[in-house]
Amino acid sequence: MKVDISIVPGGIPPTIKVSQYDAGRIIDVKIDMGDVSTSSSLTYLMEVRKSDNHVTSANGTVVTGGYVRFVTTQQMTAVPGIALCKVRVKYGNNNLGTAKFYMYIEETPFNGDADLSDSEVSPLLAALAASSQEAVEAKEAAQAATAAAQNAAEQAQATADTIQDYIDQIQRNTDALKDVLVVTDEVTRRRYRLTVRNGEVFMREVSDDEDDS
């Protein structure tokens, strides 16, 4: 975009158009400075007062054709509406402002207050659904791990119960065999009681009048 202005204020201000949040937009300004020629030895500063009354600026460089080139920043075009612009030229002890011009900043359709269109809602719902599915899978995995741990505990308890049953049975068998039986020596005709205690067999002679039980 190109705009011609004079170092002397006055006349009908020209207007350039940009979009909100435009950054890198080139604005070439030709300045009529009378007897003073545009030169890279001078300092050029474009001052921009946005519609919210905040001010920003950009330095300029001399390019082919005697124009001074400025590049917009996102901050410069952040507020939609009409922004008042002026170029300040500094050389020696002089600090002169040019005639003003306007920058019309067209509002972008997408901003913080805009509602999502249907095309945006679907991806949003898809993202929410995906996160919900991940939560469900995590819950199911936790439940499966809990069930596996409970099953392992039940199996361990069952094994312990089985071992205890074996121990109890051995004890019952041992108790039952404390007095096994009474036997008679075929040669001497003496009777002996066989007793099992702690895995050892003991033999004791009994008299004829003792009970065999």
N, C-alpha and C. Protein backbone atom coordinates (compact mmCIF):
# COMPACT_ATOMS: atom_id res chain seq x y z
N MET A 1 0.85 -1.19 0.00
CA MET A 1 0.00 0.00 0.00
C MET A 1 0.88 1.23 0.00
N LYS A 2 0.42 2.25 -0.75
CA LYS A 2 1.19 3.48 -0.85
C LYS A 2 0.31 4.66 -0.49
N VAL A 3 0.92 5.65 0.13
CA VAL A 3 0.20 6.86 0.51
C VAL A 3 1.14 8.06 0.36
N ASP A 4 0.61 9.16 -0.16
CA ASP A 4 1.39 10.39 -0.32
C ASP A 4 0.89 11.42 0.68
N ILE A 5 1.83 11.99 1.44
CA ILE A 5 1.47 13.02 2.42
C ILE A 5 2.50 14.13 2.36
N SER A 6 2.18 15.24 3.02
CA SER A 6 3.07 16.39 3.03
C SER A 6 3.59 16.61 4.44
N ILE A 7 4.75 17.25 4.48
CA ILE A 7 5.30 17.62 5.79
C ILE A 7 4.48 18.72 6.43
N VAL A 8 3.68 19.42 5.57
CA VAL A 8 2.83 20.51 6.07
C VAL A 8 1.44 19.96 6.34
N PRO A 9 0.94 20.02 7.58
CA PRO A 9 -0.39 19.51 7.89
C PRO A 9 -1.46 20.24 7.09
N GLY A 10 -2.54 19.50 6.80
CA GLY A 10 -3.66 20.09 6.08
C GLY A 10 -4.12 19.19 4.95
N GLY A 11 -5.21 19.58 4.29
CA GLY A 11 -5.74 18.84 3.17
C GLY A 11 -6.62 17.68 3.63
N ILE A 12 -7.05 16.89 2.67
CA ILE A 12 -7.92 15.73 2.96
C ILE A 12 -7.03 14.54 3.28
N PRO A 13 -7.15 13.99 4.49
CA PRO A 13 -6.28 12.88 4.87
C PRO A 13 -6.59 11.63 4.05
N PRO A 14 -5.59 10.99 3.48
CA PRO A 14 -5.81 9.73 2.77
C PRO A 14 -6.07 8.60 3.77
N THR A 15 -6.67 7.50 3.28
CA THR A 15 -6.99 6.35 4.15
C THR A 15 -6.45 5.06 3.52
N ILE A 16 -5.78 4.26 4.34
CA ILE A 16 -5.33 2.95 3.89
C ILE A 16 -6.12 1.90 4.68
N LYS A 17 -6.26 0.71 4.11
CA LYS A 17 -7.05 -0.34 4.76
C LYS A 17 -6.20 -1.57 5.05
N VAL A 18 -6.38 -2.09 6.25
CA VAL A 18 -5.72 -3.32 6.65
C VAL A 18 -6.75 -4.17 7.42
N SER A 19 -6.39 -5.40 7.70
CA SER A 19 -7.25 -6.28 8.49
C SER A 19 -6.75 -6.36 9.92
N GLN A 20 -7.66 -6.63 10.83
CA GLN A 20 -7.31 -6.76 12.23
C GLN A 20 -6.28 -7.87 12.41
N TYR A 21 -5.28 -7.59 13.23
CA TYR A 21 -4.17 -8.49 13.55
C TYR A 21 -3.20 -8.69 12.39
N ASP A 22 -3.32 -7.88 11.32
CA ASP A 22 -2.34 -7.96 10.24
C ASP A 22 -0.95 -7.62 10.79
N ALA A 23 -0.01 -8.47 10.51
CA ALA A 23 1.38 -8.21 10.87
C ALA A 23 2.22 -8.44 9.62
N GLY A 24 3.11 -7.51 9.32
CA GLY A 24 3.94 -7.64 8.13
C GLY A 24 3.37 -6.93 6.91
N ARG A 25 2.27 -6.19 7.11
CA ARG A 25 1.70 -5.43 5.99
C ARG A 25 2.61 -4.24 5.70
N ILE A 26 3.00 -4.09 4.41
CA ILE A 26 3.93 -3.01 4.02
C ILE A 26 3.16 -1.75 3.65
N ILE A 27 3.57 -0.65 4.24
CA ILE A 27 2.99 0.67 3.92
C ILE A 27 4.12 1.58 3.46
N ASP A 28 4.09 1.97 2.19
CA ASP A 28 5.10 2.88 1.63
C ASP A 28 4.53 4.29 1.63
N VAL A 29 5.23 5.19 2.27
CA VAL A 29 4.77 6.57 2.41
C VAL A 29 5.74 7.50 1.68
N LYS A 30 5.19 8.33 0.76
CA LYS A 30 6.00 9.36 0.11
C LYS A 30 5.71 10.67 0.81
N ILE A 31 6.78 11.30 1.29
CA ILE A 31 6.63 12.53 2.08
C ILE A 31 7.15 13.71 1.28
N ASP A 32 6.28 14.69 1.06
CA ASP A 32 6.70 15.93 0.40
C ASP A 32 7.26 16.86 1.48
N MET A 33 8.61 16.99 1.47
CA MET A 33 9.25 17.81 2.49
C MET A 33 9.84 19.10 1.91
N GLY A 34 9.32 19.52 0.75
CA GLY A 34 9.79 20.78 0.16
C GLY A 34 11.23 20.67 -0.29
N ASP A 35 12.09 21.50 0.29
CA ASP A 35 13.49 21.54 -0.10
C ASP A 35 14.31 20.40 0.48
N VAL A 36 13.73 19.67 1.41
CA VAL A 36 14.46 18.57 2.05
C VAL A 36 14.13 17.27 1.31
N SER A 37 15.14 16.55 0.91
CA SER A 37 14.95 15.30 0.18
C SER A 37 14.89 14.12 1.15
N THR A 38 14.12 13.13 0.73
CA THR A 38 14.07 11.90 1.51
C THR A 38 15.44 11.25 1.49
N SER A 39 15.94 10.93 2.68
CA SER A 39 17.29 10.38 2.76
C SER A 39 17.35 9.37 3.90
N SER A 40 18.20 8.38 3.74
CA SER A 40 18.37 7.37 4.78
C SER A 40 19.10 7.93 5.99
N SER A 41 19.62 9.15 5.86
CA SER A 41 20.30 9.78 7.00
C SER A 41 19.29 10.37 7.98
N LEU A 42 18.02 10.44 7.56
CA LEU A 42 16.98 10.97 8.42
C LEU A 42 16.31 9.81 9.18
N THR A 43 15.63 10.17 10.25
CA THR A 43 14.90 9.17 11.05
C THR A 43 13.41 9.34 10.82
N TYR A 44 12.74 8.20 10.53
CA TYR A 44 11.30 8.24 10.25
C TYR A 44 10.57 7.32 11.24
N LEU A 45 9.53 7.85 11.81
CA LEU A 45 8.76 7.10 12.79
C LEU A 45 7.27 7.30 12.52
N MET A 46 6.56 6.19 12.25
CA MET A 46 5.13 6.30 12.04
C MET A 46 4.42 6.08 13.38
N GLU A 47 3.67 7.10 13.79
CA GLU A 47 2.93 7.01 15.04
C GLU A 47 1.47 6.67 14.74
N VAL A 48 0.92 5.72 15.46
CA VAL A 48 -0.44 5.25 15.21
C VAL A 48 -1.23 5.32 16.53
N ARG A 49 -2.33 6.09 16.50
CA ARG A 49 -3.23 6.12 17.66
C ARG A 49 -4.47 5.33 17.30
N LYS A 50 -4.63 4.17 17.97
CA LYS A 50 -5.74 3.27 17.65
C LYS A 50 -7.06 3.81 18.19
N SER A 51 -8.14 3.18 17.81
CA SER A 51 -9.47 3.65 18.21
C SER A 51 -9.71 3.54 19.71
N ASP A 52 -8.89 2.77 20.41
CA ASP A 52 -9.01 2.71 21.87
C ASP A 52 -8.10 3.72 22.55
N ASN A 53 -7.50 4.64 21.73
CA ASN A 53 -6.63 5.73 22.20
C ASN A 53 -5.26 5.25 22.68
N HIS A 54 -4.94 3.99 22.50
CA HIS A 54 -3.59 3.54 22.78
C HIS A 54 -2.71 3.82 21.56
N VAL A 55 -1.45 4.12 21.84
CA VAL A 55 -0.54 4.55 20.77
C VAL A 55 0.56 3.51 20.57
N THR A 56 0.90 3.26 19.32
CA THR A 56 2.04 2.40 18.99
C THR A 56 2.79 3.04 17.84
N SER A 57 3.94 2.54 17.49
CA SER A 57 4.74 3.17 16.45
C SER A 57 5.60 2.14 15.74
N ALA A 58 6.19 2.55 14.60
CA ALA A 58 7.08 1.69 13.82
C ALA A 58 8.12 2.55 13.13
N ASN A 59 9.35 2.08 13.10
CA ASN A 59 10.42 2.79 12.41
C ASN A 59 10.34 2.53 10.92
N GLY A 60 10.78 3.53 10.11
CA GLY A 60 10.73 3.38 8.67
C GLY A 60 12.11 3.41 8.05
N THR A 61 12.21 2.83 6.84
CA THR A 61 13.45 2.84 6.07
C THR A 61 13.16 3.34 4.67
N VAL A 62 14.11 4.03 4.08
CA VAL A 62 13.95 4.58 2.74
C VAL A 62 14.13 3.47 1.71
N VAL A 63 13.22 3.41 0.74
CA VAL A 63 13.28 2.41 -0.32
C VAL A 63 13.26 3.11 -1.67
N THR A 64 13.31 2.32 -2.73
CA THR A 64 13.35 2.86 -4.09
C THR A 64 12.13 3.74 -4.37
N GLY A 65 12.38 4.82 -5.07
CA GLY A 65 11.29 5.74 -5.45
C GLY A 65 11.08 6.86 -4.46
N GLY A 66 11.94 6.93 -3.46
CA GLY A 66 11.82 8.00 -2.48
C GLY A 66 10.75 7.74 -1.43
N TYR A 67 10.29 6.52 -1.35
CA TYR A 67 9.29 6.17 -0.34
C TYR A 67 9.97 5.76 0.97
N VAL A 68 9.24 5.95 2.04
CA VAL A 68 9.67 5.45 3.35
C VAL A 68 8.77 4.26 3.68
N ARG A 69 9.39 3.13 3.93
CA ARG A 69 8.61 1.90 4.14
C ARG A 69 8.45 1.61 5.63
N PHE A 70 7.18 1.35 5.99
CA PHE A 70 6.84 0.92 7.34
C PHE A 70 6.16 -0.45 7.26
N VAL A 71 6.31 -1.25 8.30
CA VAL A 71 5.71 -2.58 8.36
C VAL A 71 4.83 -2.67 9.60
N THR A 72 3.58 -3.07 9.39
CA THR A 72 2.65 -3.16 10.52
C THR A 72 3.01 -4.31 11.45
N THR A 73 2.66 -4.12 12.70
CA THR A 73 2.80 -5.17 13.71
C THR A 73 1.41 -5.60 14.15
N GLN A 74 1.33 -6.75 14.78
CA GLN A 74 0.03 -7.25 15.26
C GLN A 74 -0.54 -6.30 16.31
N GLN A 75 0.33 -5.73 17.12
CA GLN A 75 -0.13 -4.78 18.14
C GLN A 75 -0.73 -3.54 17.50
N MET A 76 -0.14 -3.11 16.39
CA MET A 76 -0.62 -1.91 15.70
C MET A 76 -2.02 -2.10 15.14
N THR A 77 -2.36 -3.32 14.73
CA THR A 77 -3.65 -3.57 14.08
C THR A 77 -4.60 -4.39 14.96
N ALA A 78 -4.35 -4.40 16.26
CA ALA A 78 -5.13 -5.26 17.15
C ALA A 78 -6.55 -4.76 17.37
N VAL A 79 -6.77 -3.45 17.26
CA VAL A 79 -8.08 -2.88 17.58
C VAL A 79 -8.77 -2.45 16.28
N PRO A 80 -9.96 -3.01 15.99
CA PRO A 80 -10.66 -2.61 14.76
C PRO A 80 -11.16 -1.18 14.85
N GLY A 81 -11.32 -0.57 13.68
CA GLY A 81 -11.81 0.81 13.64
C GLY A 81 -10.83 1.72 12.91
N ILE A 82 -11.00 3.03 13.11
CA ILE A 82 -10.16 4.03 12.45
C ILE A 82 -9.01 4.42 13.36
N ALA A 83 -7.79 4.27 12.85
CA ALA A 83 -6.60 4.68 13.60
C ALA A 83 -6.01 5.92 12.93
N LEU A 84 -5.60 6.89 13.75
CA LEU A 84 -4.99 8.13 13.25
C LEU A 84 -3.49 7.94 13.14
N CYS A 85 -2.93 8.24 11.96
CA CYS A 85 -1.50 8.01 11.72
C CYS A 85 -0.81 9.31 11.34
N LYS A 86 0.46 9.39 11.68
CA LYS A 86 1.30 10.53 11.33
C LYS A 86 2.73 10.06 11.30
N VAL A 87 3.53 10.60 10.36
CA VAL A 87 4.95 10.26 10.29
C VAL A 87 5.74 11.40 10.91
N ARG A 88 6.65 11.04 11.80
CA ARG A 88 7.50 12.05 12.41
C ARG A 88 8.89 11.93 11.80
N VAL A 89 9.39 13.06 11.29
CA VAL A 89 10.69 13.09 10.63
C VAL A 89 11.66 13.84 11.53
N LYS A 90 12.80 13.20 11.79
CA LYS A 90 13.80 13.82 12.66
C LYS A 90 15.11 13.98 11.89
N TYR A 91 15.62 15.19 11.88
CA TYR A 91 16.93 15.43 11.29
C TYR A 91 17.53 16.66 11.95
N GLY A 92 18.80 16.54 12.38
CA GLY A 92 19.44 17.62 13.12
C GLY A 92 18.65 17.91 14.39
N ASN A 93 18.32 19.18 14.58
CA ASN A 93 17.51 19.58 15.74
C ASN A 93 16.02 19.63 15.41
N ASN A 94 15.68 19.19 14.19
CA ASN A 94 14.28 19.26 13.75
C ASN A 94 13.54 17.96 14.08
N ASN A 95 12.32 18.11 14.52
CA ASN A 95 11.45 16.98 14.82
C ASN A 95 10.07 17.37 14.33
N LEU A 96 9.77 17.01 13.07
CA LEU A 96 8.57 17.49 12.41
C LEU A 96 7.57 16.37 12.17
N GLY A 97 6.31 16.68 12.39
CA GLY A 97 5.26 15.73 12.10
C GLY A 97 4.59 16.06 10.79
N THR A 98 4.25 15.06 10.01
CA THR A 98 3.62 15.26 8.71
C THR A 98 2.12 15.48 8.88
N ALA A 99 1.46 15.68 7.74
CA ALA A 99 0.00 15.71 7.73
C ALA A 99 -0.49 14.31 8.15
N LYS A 100 -1.66 14.26 8.72
CA LYS A 100 -2.18 12.98 9.20
C LYS A 100 -2.78 12.17 8.06
N PHE A 101 -2.89 10.89 8.26
CA PHE A 101 -3.65 10.01 7.39
C PHE A 101 -4.30 8.93 8.27
N TYR A 102 -5.22 8.22 7.70
CA TYR A 102 -5.98 7.25 8.50
C TYR A 102 -5.66 5.81 8.07
N MET A 103 -5.76 4.93 9.05
CA MET A 103 -5.65 3.49 8.78
C MET A 103 -6.97 2.86 9.24
N TYR A 104 -7.70 2.31 8.27
CA TYR A 104 -8.95 1.64 8.62
C TYR A 104 -8.64 0.17 8.87
N ILE A 105 -8.89 -0.27 10.10
CA ILE A 105 -8.60 -1.65 10.50
C ILE A 105 -9.91 -2.42 10.52
N GLU A 106 -10.05 -3.32 9.54
CA GLU A 106 -11.29 -4.10 9.43
C GLU A 106 -11.30 -5.24 10.43
N GLU A 107 -12.41 -5.38 11.16
CA GLU A 107 -12.50 -6.40 12.20
C GLU A 107 -12.46 -7.81 11.61
N THR A 108 -11.74 -8.68 12.28
CA THR A 108 -11.71 -10.08 11.85
C THR A 108 -12.96 -10.80 12.34
N PRO A 109 -13.50 -11.77 11.58
CA PRO A 109 -14.70 -12.49 12.03
C PRO A 109 -14.47 -13.30 13.29
N PHE A 110 -13.24 -13.69 13.53
CA PHE A 110 -12.95 -14.56 14.67
C PHE A 110 -12.32 -13.74 15.78
N ASN A 111 -12.99 -13.67 16.93
CA ASN A 111 -12.44 -12.99 18.09
C ASN A 111 -12.87 -13.72 19.35
N GLY A 112 -12.50 -13.19 20.48
CA GLY A 112 -12.77 -13.87 21.74
C GLY A 112 -14.23 -14.04 22.05
N ASP A 113 -15.12 -13.17 21.50
CA ASP A 113 -16.54 -13.24 21.80
C ASP A 113 -17.34 -14.00 20.75
N ALA A 114 -16.67 -14.46 19.69
CA ALA A 114 -17.39 -15.11 18.60
C ALA A 114 -17.86 -16.50 19.00
N ASP A 115 -19.04 -16.89 18.49
CA ASP A 115 -19.56 -18.24 18.73
C ASP A 115 -18.94 -19.20 17.72
N LEU A 116 -18.77 -20.44 18.15
CA LEU A 116 -18.23 -21.45 17.25
C LEU A 116 -19.28 -21.86 16.23
N SER A 117 -18.86 -21.99 14.99
CA SER A 117 -19.77 -22.48 13.96
C SER A 117 -19.87 -23.99 14.08
N ASP A 118 -20.81 -24.57 13.30
CA ASP A 118 -20.99 -26.02 13.33
C ASP A 118 -19.70 -26.75 12.96
N SER A 119 -18.95 -26.17 12.03
CA SER A 119 -17.72 -26.81 11.58
C SER A 119 -16.68 -26.86 12.68
N GLU A 120 -16.81 -25.96 13.68
CA GLU A 120 -15.87 -25.96 14.79
C GLU A 120 -16.40 -26.82 15.94
N VAL A 121 -17.73 -26.95 16.02
CA VAL A 121 -18.31 -27.72 17.11
C VAL A 121 -17.96 -29.20 16.99
N SER A 122 -18.03 -29.73 15.77
CA SER A 122 -17.76 -31.15 15.57
C SER A 122 -16.38 -31.56 16.06
N PRO A 123 -15.29 -30.85 15.65
CA PRO A 123 -13.98 -31.23 16.19
C PRO A 123 -13.91 -31.09 17.71
N LEU A 124 -14.63 -30.10 18.24
CA LEU A 124 -14.62 -29.90 19.69
C LEU A 124 -15.27 -31.08 20.39
N LEU A 125 -16.44 -31.50 19.86
CA LEU A 125 -17.13 -32.65 20.43
C LEU A 125 -16.29 -33.91 20.29
N ALA A 126 -15.61 -34.02 19.14
CA ALA A 126 -14.76 -35.19 18.92
C ALA A 126 -13.64 -35.24 19.95
N ALA A 127 -13.06 -34.07 20.24
CA ALA A 127 -11.98 -34.01 21.23
C ALA A 127 -12.51 -34.38 22.62
N LEU A 128 -13.70 -33.88 22.94
CA LEU A 128 -14.30 -34.19 24.24
C LEU A 128 -14.61 -35.69 24.33
N ALA A 129 -15.13 -36.24 23.22
CA ALA A 129 -15.45 -37.67 23.20
C ALA A 129 -14.20 -38.51 23.38
N ALA A 130 -13.11 -38.08 22.72
CA ALA A 130 -11.85 -38.82 22.83
C ALA A 130 -11.35 -38.82 24.27
N SER A 131 -11.42 -37.64 24.92
CA SER A 131 -10.95 -37.56 26.30
C SER A 131 -11.84 -38.39 27.22
N SER A 132 -13.17 -38.41 26.93
CA SER A 132 -14.08 -39.23 27.73
C SER A 132 -13.77 -40.71 27.56
N GLN A 133 -13.49 -41.12 26.32
CA GLN A 133 -13.14 -42.52 26.06
C GLN A 133 -11.88 -42.92 26.80
N GLU A 134 -10.89 -42.01 26.83
CA GLU A 134 -9.66 -42.29 27.56
C GLU A 134 -9.95 -42.48 29.04
N ALA A 135 -10.87 -41.66 29.57
CA ALA A 135 -11.23 -41.79 30.98
C ALA A 135 -11.91 -43.13 31.25
N VAL A 136 -12.80 -43.54 30.32
CA VAL A 136 -13.49 -44.82 30.47
C VAL A 136 -12.49 -45.98 30.44
N GLU A 137 -11.56 -45.92 29.48
CA GLU A 137 -10.56 -46.99 29.36
C GLU A 137 -9.68 -47.05 30.60
N ALA A 138 -9.33 -45.89 31.14
CA ALA A 138 -8.51 -45.86 32.35
C ALA A 138 -9.27 -46.47 33.53
N LYS A 139 -10.58 -46.14 33.62
CA LYS A 139 -11.40 -46.70 34.70
C LYS A 139 -11.51 -48.21 34.57
N GLU A 140 -11.75 -48.69 33.32
CA GLU A 140 -11.87 -50.13 33.09
C GLU A 140 -10.57 -50.85 33.42
N ALA A 141 -9.44 -50.23 33.06
CA ALA A 141 -8.14 -50.84 33.36
C ALA A 141 -7.94 -50.93 34.87
N ALA A 142 -8.34 -49.88 35.60
CA ALA A 142 -8.21 -49.89 37.06
C ALA A 142 -9.09 -50.97 37.67
N GLN A 143 -10.32 -51.10 37.14
CA GLN A 143 -11.23 -52.12 37.64
C GLN A 143 -10.69 -53.53 37.37
N ALA A 144 -10.11 -53.72 36.17
CA ALA A 144 -9.54 -55.03 35.83
C ALA A 144 -8.37 -55.37 36.75
N ALA A 145 -7.53 -54.36 37.04
CA ALA A 145 -6.39 -54.58 37.93
C ALA A 145 -6.87 -54.93 39.34
N THR A 146 -7.92 -54.24 39.78
CA THR A 146 -8.48 -54.52 41.11
C THR A 146 -9.04 -55.93 41.17
N ALA A 147 -9.77 -56.33 40.11
CA ALA A 147 -10.35 -57.68 40.06
C ALA A 147 -9.26 -58.74 40.05
N ALA A 148 -8.18 -58.48 39.29
CA ALA A 148 -7.07 -59.44 39.24
C ALA A 148 -6.41 -59.59 40.60
N ALA A 149 -6.23 -58.47 41.29
CA ALA A 149 -5.61 -58.51 42.62
C ALA A 149 -6.51 -59.25 43.60
N GLN A 150 -7.83 -59.01 43.51
CA GLN A 150 -8.77 -59.69 44.40
C GLN A 150 -8.78 -61.19 44.13
N ASN A 151 -8.74 -61.56 42.83
CA ASN A 151 -8.72 -62.97 42.47
C ASN A 151 -7.46 -63.66 42.98
N ALA A 152 -6.32 -62.96 42.86
CA ALA A 152 -5.07 -63.52 43.36
C ALA A 152 -5.12 -63.71 44.87
N ALA A 153 -5.73 -62.73 45.56
CA ALA A 153 -5.85 -62.84 47.01
C ALA A 153 -6.74 -64.02 47.39
N GLU A 154 -7.85 -64.19 46.65
CA GLU A 154 -8.76 -65.31 46.93
C GLU A 154 -8.08 -66.66 46.68
N GLN A 155 -7.28 -66.72 45.59
CA GLN A 155 -6.56 -67.97 45.31
C GLN A 155 -5.53 -68.26 46.40
N ALA A 156 -4.86 -67.23 46.86
CA ALA A 156 -3.88 -67.41 47.93
C ALA A 156 -4.55 -67.90 49.20
N GLN A 157 -5.74 -67.31 49.50
CA GLN A 157 -6.47 -67.73 50.69
C GLN A 157 -6.94 -69.17 50.56
N ALA A 158 -7.40 -69.54 49.33
CA ALA A 158 -7.85 -70.91 49.09
C ALA A 158 -6.71 -71.89 49.28
N THR A 159 -5.52 -71.53 48.77
CA THR A 159 -4.35 -72.39 48.94
C THR A 159 -4.00 -72.55 50.42
N ALA A 160 -4.06 -71.42 51.16
CA ALA A 160 -3.77 -71.46 52.59
C ALA A 160 -4.77 -72.35 53.32
N ASP A 161 -6.04 -72.24 52.93
CA ASP A 161 -7.08 -73.05 53.56
C ASP A 161 -6.84 -74.54 53.28
N THR A 162 -6.44 -74.84 52.02
CA THR A 162 -6.18 -76.24 51.66
C THR A 162 -5.02 -76.80 52.47
N ILE A 163 -3.97 -76.03 52.61
CA ILE A 163 -2.82 -76.47 53.41
C ILE A 163 -3.22 -76.72 54.86
N GLN A 164 -4.04 -75.79 55.38
CA GLN A 164 -4.49 -75.95 56.76
C GLN A 164 -5.34 -77.21 56.92
N ASP A 165 -6.16 -77.49 55.88
CA ASP A 165 -6.96 -78.71 55.91
C ASP A 165 -6.07 -79.95 55.97
N TYR A 166 -4.99 -79.92 55.16
CA TYR A 166 -4.05 -81.04 55.20
C TYR A 166 -3.43 -81.19 56.59
N ILE A 167 -3.04 -80.07 57.17
CA ILE A 167 -2.42 -80.10 58.50
C ILE A 167 -3.40 -80.66 59.53
N ASP A 168 -4.64 -80.17 59.43
CA ASP A 168 -5.67 -80.64 60.37
C ASP A 168 -5.91 -82.15 60.21
N GLN A 169 -5.94 -82.61 58.96
CA GLN A 169 -6.17 -84.04 58.71
C GLN A 169 -5.03 -84.88 59.25
N ILE A 170 -3.80 -84.42 59.05
CA ILE A 170 -2.64 -85.13 59.58
C ILE A 170 -2.71 -85.22 61.10
N GLN A 171 -3.14 -84.08 61.70
CA GLN A 171 -3.25 -84.06 63.16
C GLN A 171 -4.33 -85.05 63.63
N ARG A 172 -5.46 -85.07 62.88
CA ARG A 172 -6.53 -86.01 63.24
C ARG A 172 -6.06 -87.45 63.09
N ASN A 173 -5.31 -87.70 61.99
CA ASN A 173 -4.78 -89.05 61.78
C ASN A 173 -3.81 -89.43 62.88
N THR A 174 -2.99 -88.48 63.28
CA THR A 174 -2.02 -88.74 64.34
C THR A 174 -2.71 -89.03 65.66
N ASP A 175 -3.76 -88.21 65.95
CA ASP A 175 -4.51 -88.42 67.18
C ASP A 175 -5.19 -89.79 67.18
N ALA A 176 -5.68 -90.19 66.00
CA ALA A 176 -6.38 -91.47 65.91
C ALA A 176 -5.42 -92.64 66.09
N LEU A 177 -4.16 -92.42 65.76
CA LEU A 177 -3.17 -93.49 65.83
C LEU A 177 -2.36 -93.48 67.13
N LYS A 178 -2.78 -92.68 68.09
CA LYS A 178 -2.04 -92.68 69.35
C LYS A 178 -2.04 -94.08 69.98
N ASP A 179 -3.21 -94.72 69.95
CA ASP A 179 -3.32 -96.12 70.38
C ASP A 179 -3.85 -96.90 69.19
N VAL A 180 -2.96 -97.53 68.49
CA VAL A 180 -3.36 -98.17 67.26
C VAL A 180 -4.11 -99.47 67.54
N LEU A 181 -3.42 -100.41 68.13
CA LEU A 181 -4.03 -101.73 68.37
C LEU A 181 -3.20 -102.52 69.38
N VAL A 182 -3.81 -103.61 69.83
CA VAL A 182 -3.10 -104.53 70.72
C VAL A 182 -2.83 -105.81 69.95
N VAL A 183 -1.57 -106.25 69.96
CA VAL A 183 -1.20 -107.45 69.22
C VAL A 183 -0.70 -108.52 70.20
N THR A 184 -0.77 -109.80 69.73
CA THR A 184 -0.33 -110.94 70.57
C THR A 184 0.84 -111.62 69.91
N ASP A 185 1.90 -111.80 70.71
CA ASP A 185 3.06 -112.53 70.21
C ASP A 185 2.68 -113.99 70.09
N GLU A 186 2.79 -114.56 68.89
CA GLU A 186 2.36 -115.93 68.64
C GLU A 186 3.22 -116.96 69.39
N VAL A 187 4.43 -116.60 69.72
CA VAL A 187 5.33 -117.55 70.38
C VAL A 187 5.12 -117.51 71.89
N THR A 188 5.21 -116.28 72.41
CA THR A 188 5.12 -116.14 73.87
C THR A 188 3.70 -115.97 74.34
N ARG A 189 2.80 -115.66 73.44
CA ARG A 189 1.41 -115.40 73.73
C ARG A 189 1.23 -114.17 74.62
N ARG A 190 2.23 -113.34 74.63
CA ARG A 190 2.12 -112.09 75.37
C ARG A 190 1.46 -111.03 74.47
N ARG A 191 0.75 -110.15 75.15
CA ARG A 191 0.06 -109.11 74.39
C ARG A 191 0.81 -107.77 74.56
N TYR A 192 0.81 -107.01 73.43
CA TYR A 192 1.50 -105.71 73.44
C TYR A 192 0.58 -104.66 72.80
N ARG A 193 0.58 -103.49 73.38
CA ARG A 193 -0.16 -102.35 72.81
C ARG A 193 0.81 -101.49 71.99
N LEU A 194 0.47 -101.28 70.73
CA LEU A 194 1.30 -100.44 69.84
C LEU A 194 0.74 -99.02 69.89
N THR A 195 1.61 -98.10 70.22
CA THR A 195 1.19 -96.69 70.34
C THR A 195 2.06 -95.82 69.42
N VAL A 196 1.40 -94.91 68.69
CA VAL A 196 2.13 -93.98 67.80
C VAL A 196 2.04 -92.58 68.39
N ARG A 197 3.16 -92.02 68.65
CA ARG A 197 3.20 -90.65 69.17
C ARG A 197 4.29 -89.86 68.43
N ASN A 198 3.86 -88.73 67.81
CA ASN A 198 4.80 -87.87 67.08
C ASN A 198 5.60 -88.65 66.05
N GLY A 199 4.92 -89.58 65.39
CA GLY A 199 5.55 -90.33 64.32
C GLY A 199 6.38 -91.50 64.78
N GLU A 200 6.47 -91.76 66.10
CA GLU A 200 7.26 -92.88 66.62
C GLU A 200 6.31 -93.95 67.18
N VAL A 201 6.69 -95.19 67.01
CA VAL A 201 5.87 -96.32 67.46
C VAL A 201 6.44 -96.86 68.79
N PHE A 202 5.57 -96.93 69.77
CA PHE A 202 5.96 -97.44 71.08
C PHE A 202 5.17 -98.74 71.35
N MET A 203 5.84 -99.68 71.98
CA MET A 203 5.20 -100.98 72.28
C MET A 203 5.25 -101.21 73.80
N ARG A 204 4.07 -101.56 74.38
CA ARG A 204 4.01 -101.80 75.82
C ARG A 204 3.22 -103.09 76.06
N GLU A 205 3.77 -103.91 76.90
CA GLU A 205 3.08 -105.17 77.23
C GLU A 205 1.89 -104.88 78.11
N VAL A 206 0.82 -105.55 77.85
CA VAL A 206 -0.38 -105.36 78.66
C VAL A 206 -0.79 -106.69 79.28
N SER A 207 -1.45 -106.61 80.37
CA SER A 207 -1.88 -107.80 81.09
C SER A 207 -3.15 -108.37 80.46
N ASP A 208 -3.47 -109.58 80.85
CA ASP A 208 -4.63 -110.22 80.25
C ASP A 208 -5.93 -109.55 80.60
N ASP A 209 -5.97 -108.95 81.80
CA ASP A 209 -7.23 -108.36 82.22
C ASP A 209 -7.41 -106.90 81.76
N GLU A 210 -6.43 -106.34 81.03
CA GLU A 210 -6.57 -104.95 80.55
C GLU A 210 -7.47 -104.89 79.32
N ASP A 211 -8.16 -103.81 79.22
CA ASP A 211 -9.07 -103.59 78.05
C ASP A 211 -8.22 -103.37 76.81
N ASP A 212 -8.66 -104.00 75.69
CA ASP A 212 -7.91 -103.82 74.43
C ASP A 212 -8.20 -102.51 73.73
N SER A 213 -9.15 -101.75 74.21
CA SER A 213 -9.49 -100.50 73.49
C SER A 213 -8.43 -99.47 73.71
